[in-house]
Structure formats: structure tokens, C-alpha cells
């Protein structure tokens, strides 16, 4: 297939296969990690921290984790072929920055319980980072 026909495919609204594959893996990862984080959040709020304030902190951390993980996975997936370590490293730095922000500003500004909010966020990042490699080549 020539370069002109590839450009024609892009201009008529039909994305190239590579973009479809990237989008597919991002959507699959997002759905699977959201389900896993929801299950872990339910377990934490039912068996570890059972009061209402802790449940609110866990929900807030779960929403933050899903959002950040979607961004970090998209970065890792987009650079997976050429700069694997750079994409992975950028994701680690972003997660670390979010944990620091959450610890110093986010929890206090939302009036959340410190322990459940911070520990659940780290748990969600850990769990979803474990499944991330399964979707990098989808």
C-alpha cells in the first residue's frame, strides 16, 4: 500500500489499523482496570475501613486512580514500540507526583480521611499497574 493510499484512508475518516489497535487497548485496559479498582474499593470499604468517612475517601481515591491510570497507560501504549522505558518512566513519575499531591493537598482540600485515602490510592495504583503489561500489546 502506498503512502498516498494511507493518507486517503486517514482523510476519509477511517483510522489506520495502528490507531485502532491503540484505541482498542486503551479502552480494554480502562474497562478492566475500572472493574478491578471497583472490586478492590468495595473490599477495602467493607473489610478494612468500614466507616462512612473512609468509604468516601476510598471512592475519591478510586476515581483519581482510574483517571491517572488511563492517562499513564495511554502514554505507555503510545510510546511502547519506540521508547518503552521512557514511557514507563514517565508513568512512574506521574503516579508518584499524584500520590504526593494527594498526600499534601488533595486529601486536606476535600476533607478526606488521611489513611484510607492515601493507602487506597497506592493500592489502586499497584493493582492496576500489575495488569497494565497484559494490555500493552493488545
C-alpha atoms as a PDB file:
ATOM      1  CA  UNK A   1       0.000   0.000   0.000  1.00  0.00           C
ATOM      2  CA  UNK A   2       1.440   3.367  -0.950  1.00  0.00           C
ATOM      3  CA  UNK A   3       1.775   6.428   1.225  1.00  0.00           C
ATOM      4  CA  UNK A   4      -0.915   8.203  -0.815  1.00  0.00           C
ATOM      5  CA  UNK A   5      -3.474   5.473  -0.103  1.00  0.00           C
ATOM      6  CA  UNK A   6      -2.647   5.598   3.629  1.00  0.00           C
ATOM      7  CA  UNK A   7      -3.232   9.351   3.621  1.00  0.00           C
ATOM      8  CA  UNK A   8      -6.506   8.815   1.758  1.00  0.00           C
ATOM      9  CA  UNK A   9      -7.680   6.380   4.435  1.00  0.00           C
ATOM     10  CA  UNK A  10      -6.916   8.901   7.170  1.00  0.00           C
ATOM     11  CA  UNK A  11      -8.625  11.785   5.378  1.00  0.00           C
ATOM     12  CA  UNK A  12     -11.918   9.968   4.720  1.00  0.00           C
ATOM     13  CA  UNK A  13     -12.500   9.238   8.414  1.00  0.00           C
ATOM     14  CA  UNK A  14     -11.287   5.643   8.529  1.00  0.00           C
ATOM     15  CA  UNK A  15      -8.412   5.441  11.020  1.00  0.00           C
ATOM     16  CA  UNK A  16      -5.382   3.328  10.186  1.00  0.00           C
ATOM     17  CA  UNK A  17      -5.139  -0.072  11.878  1.00  0.00           C
ATOM     18  CA  UNK A  18      -2.386   1.048  14.239  1.00  0.00           C
ATOM     19  CA  UNK A  19      -4.609   3.761  15.720  1.00  0.00           C
ATOM     20  CA  UNK A  20      -7.497   1.339  16.072  1.00  0.00           C
ATOM     21  CA  UNK A  21      -5.223  -1.087  17.941  1.00  0.00           C
ATOM     22  CA  UNK A  22      -4.019   1.629  20.312  1.00  0.00           C
ATOM     23  CA  UNK A  23      -7.545   2.845  20.962  1.00  0.00           C
ATOM     24  CA  UNK A  24      -8.772  -0.714  21.482  1.00  0.00           C
ATOM     25  CA  UNK A  25      -6.090  -1.499  24.049  1.00  0.00           C
ATOM     26  CA  UNK A  26      -6.722   1.776  25.911  1.00  0.00           C
ATOM     27  CA  UNK A  27     -10.462   1.121  26.083  1.00  0.00           C
ATOM     28  CA  UNK A  28      -9.983  -2.505  27.173  1.00  0.00           C
ATOM     29  CA  UNK A  29      -7.481  -1.511  29.848  1.00  0.00           C
ATOM     30  CA  UNK A  30      -9.750   1.263  31.106  1.00  0.00           C
ATOM     31  CA  UNK A  31     -12.748  -1.046  31.449  1.00  0.00           C
ATOM     32  CA  UNK A  32     -10.807  -3.889  33.092  1.00  0.00           C
ATOM     33  CA  UNK A  33      -8.915  -1.652  35.499  1.00  0.00           C
ATOM     34  CA  UNK A  34     -12.106   0.229  36.452  1.00  0.00           C
ATOM     35  CA  UNK A  35     -13.802  -3.071  37.312  1.00  0.00           C
ATOM     36  CA  UNK A  36     -10.788  -4.294  39.297  1.00  0.00           C
ATOM     37  CA  UNK A  37     -10.458  -0.990  41.156  1.00  0.00           C
ATOM     38  CA  UNK A  38     -14.190  -1.027  41.943  1.00  0.00           C
ATOM     39  CA  UNK A  39     -13.875  -4.541  43.380  1.00  0.00           C
ATOM     40  CA  UNK A  40     -10.829  -3.603  45.449  1.00  0.00           C
ATOM     41  CA  UNK A  41     -12.576  -0.421  46.640  1.00  0.00           C
ATOM     42  CA  UNK A  42     -15.591  -2.462  47.683  1.00  0.00           C
ATOM     43  CA  UNK A  43     -13.349  -4.875  49.586  1.00  0.00           C
ATOM     44  CA  UNK A  44     -11.470  -2.067  51.320  1.00  0.00           C
ATOM     45  CA  UNK A  45     -14.670  -0.279  52.344  1.00  0.00           C
ATOM     46  CA  UNK A  46     -16.348  -3.461  53.582  1.00  0.00           C
ATOM     47  CA  UNK A  47     -13.485  -5.222  55.344  1.00  0.00           C
ATOM     48  CA  UNK A  48     -10.675  -2.774  56.117  1.00  0.00           C
ATOM     49  CA  UNK A  49     -12.126   0.704  56.678  1.00  0.00           C
ATOM     50  CA  UNK A  50     -15.834   0.389  57.359  1.00  0.00           C
ATOM     51  CA  UNK A  51     -16.915   3.896  58.416  1.00  0.00           C
ATOM     52  CA  UNK A  52     -18.647   6.363  56.075  1.00  0.00           C
ATOM     53  CA  UNK A  53     -15.763   8.864  56.031  1.00  0.00           C
ATOM     54  CA  UNK A  54     -13.338   6.152  54.942  1.00  0.00           C
ATOM     55  CA  UNK A  55     -15.731   4.941  52.242  1.00  0.00           C
ATOM     56  CA  UNK A  56     -15.893   8.496  50.858  1.00  0.00           C
ATOM     57  CA  UNK A  57     -12.077   8.706  50.848  1.00  0.00           C
ATOM     58  CA  UNK A  58     -11.812   5.328  49.104  1.00  0.00           C
ATOM     59  CA  UNK A  59     -14.304   6.379  46.401  1.00  0.00           C
ATOM     60  CA  UNK A  60     -12.409   9.619  45.773  1.00  0.00           C
ATOM     61  CA  UNK A  61      -9.107   7.742  45.540  1.00  0.00           C
ATOM     62  CA  UNK A  62     -10.640   5.183  43.184  1.00  0.00           C
ATOM     63  CA  UNK A  63     -11.845   7.913  40.811  1.00  0.00           C
ATOM     64  CA  UNK A  64      -8.448   9.581  40.887  1.00  0.00           C
ATOM     65  CA  UNK A  65      -6.635   6.289  40.289  1.00  0.00           C
ATOM     66  CA  UNK A  66      -8.798   5.343  37.299  1.00  0.00           C
ATOM     67  CA  UNK A  67      -8.241   8.771  35.725  1.00  0.00           C
ATOM     68  CA  UNK A  68      -4.484   8.786  36.263  1.00  0.00           C
ATOM     69  CA  UNK A  69      -4.063   5.180  35.155  1.00  0.00           C
ATOM     70  CA  UNK A  70      -5.930   5.901  31.908  1.00  0.00           C
ATOM     71  CA  UNK A  71      -3.507   8.724  31.153  1.00  0.00           C
ATOM     72  CA  UNK A  72      -0.385   6.790  32.126  1.00  0.00           C
ATOM     73  CA  UNK A  73      -1.476   3.732  30.155  1.00  0.00           C
ATOM     74  CA  UNK A  74      -2.192   5.851  27.085  1.00  0.00           C
ATOM     75  CA  UNK A  75       1.302   7.341  27.355  1.00  0.00           C
ATOM     76  CA  UNK A  76       2.892   3.914  27.771  1.00  0.00           C
ATOM     77  CA  UNK A  77       0.859   2.448  24.899  1.00  0.00           C
ATOM     78  CA  UNK A  78       1.604   5.286  22.501  1.00  0.00           C
ATOM     79  CA  UNK A  79       5.365   5.050  23.020  1.00  0.00           C
ATOM     80  CA  UNK A  80       5.501   1.268  23.585  1.00  0.00           C
ATOM     81  CA  UNK A  81       7.118   0.465  20.254  1.00  0.00           C
ATOM     82  CA  UNK A  82       9.883   3.041  20.237  1.00  0.00           C
ATOM     83  CA  UNK A  83      10.599   4.272  23.776  1.00  0.00           C
ATOM     84  CA  UNK A  84       9.404   1.613  26.221  1.00  0.00           C
ATOM     85  CA  UNK A  85      11.473   2.733  29.199  1.00  0.00           C
ATOM     86  CA  UNK A  86      10.741   6.419  28.627  1.00  0.00           C
ATOM     87  CA  UNK A  87       7.002   5.779  28.593  1.00  0.00           C
ATOM     88  CA  UNK A  88       7.186   3.563  31.656  1.00  0.00           C
ATOM     89  CA  UNK A  89       9.378   6.065  33.497  1.00  0.00           C
ATOM     90  CA  UNK A  90       7.066   8.952  32.695  1.00  0.00           C
ATOM     91  CA  UNK A  91       4.140   6.916  34.053  1.00  0.00           C
ATOM     92  CA  UNK A  92       6.026   6.194  37.288  1.00  0.00           C
ATOM     93  CA  UNK A  93       6.912   9.866  37.738  1.00  0.00           C
ATOM     94  CA  UNK A  94       3.310  10.912  37.083  1.00  0.00           C
ATOM     95  CA  UNK A  95       1.944   8.380  39.598  1.00  0.00           C
ATOM     96  CA  UNK A  96       4.484   9.479  42.201  1.00  0.00           C
ATOM     97  CA  UNK A  97       3.569  13.141  41.654  1.00  0.00           C
ATOM     98  CA  UNK A  98      -0.129  12.332  42.025  1.00  0.00           C
ATOM     99  CA  UNK A  99       0.479  10.442  45.282  1.00  0.00           C
ATOM    100  CA  UNK A 100       2.477  13.404  46.615  1.00  0.00           C
ATOM    101  CA  UNK A 101      -0.198  15.878  45.509  1.00  0.00           C
ATOM    102  CA  UNK A 102      -2.929  13.701  47.047  1.00  0.00           C
ATOM    103  CA  UNK A 103      -0.991  13.422  50.320  1.00  0.00           C
ATOM    104  CA  UNK A 104      -0.161  17.100  50.715  1.00  0.00           C
ATOM    105  CA  UNK A 105      -3.073  18.933  49.095  1.00  0.00           C
ATOM    106  CA  UNK A 106      -5.860  16.752  47.723  1.00  0.00           C
ATOM    107  CA  UNK A 107      -6.888  14.926  50.877  1.00  0.00           C
ATOM    108  CA  UNK A 108      -6.963  18.039  53.021  1.00  0.00           C
ATOM    109  CA  UNK A 109      -8.783  20.193  50.483  1.00  0.00           C
ATOM    110  CA  UNK A 110     -11.564  17.603  50.139  1.00  0.00           C
ATOM    111  CA  UNK A 111     -11.700  16.897  53.883  1.00  0.00           C
ATOM    112  CA  UNK A 112     -10.996  13.181  53.487  1.00  0.00           C
ATOM    113  CA  UNK A 113      -9.605  10.697  55.993  1.00  0.00           C
ATOM    114  CA  UNK A 114      -5.839  10.603  55.536  1.00  0.00           C
ATOM    115  CA  UNK A 115      -5.090   6.898  55.963  1.00  0.00           C
ATOM    116  CA  UNK A 116      -7.838   5.393  53.827  1.00  0.00           C
ATOM    117  CA  UNK A 117      -7.451   7.991  51.056  1.00  0.00           C
ATOM    118  CA  UNK A 118      -3.694   7.622  50.678  1.00  0.00           C
ATOM    119  CA  UNK A 119      -3.367   3.883  51.232  1.00  0.00           C
ATOM    120  CA  UNK A 120      -6.263   3.075  48.925  1.00  0.00           C
ATOM    121  CA  UNK A 121      -4.796   5.261  46.159  1.00  0.00           C
ATOM    122  CA  UNK A 122      -1.458   3.475  46.402  1.00  0.00           C
ATOM    123  CA  UNK A 123      -3.265   0.108  46.436  1.00  0.00           C
ATOM    124  CA  UNK A 124      -5.264   1.030  43.322  1.00  0.00           C
ATOM    125  CA  UNK A 125      -2.127   2.159  41.504  1.00  0.00           C
ATOM    126  CA  UNK A 126      -0.346  -1.053  42.461  1.00  0.00           C
ATOM    127  CA  UNK A 127      -3.168  -3.354  41.374  1.00  0.00           C
ATOM    128  CA  UNK A 128      -3.806  -1.607  38.071  1.00  0.00           C
ATOM    129  CA  UNK A 129      -0.087  -1.363  37.298  1.00  0.00           C
ATOM    130  CA  UNK A 130       0.136  -5.147  37.650  1.00  0.00           C
ATOM    131  CA  UNK A 131      -2.409  -5.680  34.851  1.00  0.00           C
ATOM    132  CA  UNK A 132      -1.005  -2.937  32.597  1.00  0.00           C
ATOM    133  CA  UNK A 133       1.525  -5.173  30.746  1.00  0.00           C
ATOM    134  CA  UNK A 134      -1.278  -7.515  29.667  1.00  0.00           C
ATOM    135  CA  UNK A 135      -2.799  -4.744  27.554  1.00  0.00           C
ATOM    136  CA  UNK A 136       0.308  -3.110  26.088  1.00  0.00           C
ATOM    137  CA  UNK A 137       0.336  -5.439  23.082  1.00  0.00           C
ATOM    138  CA  UNK A 138      -3.407  -5.884  22.555  1.00  0.00           C
END
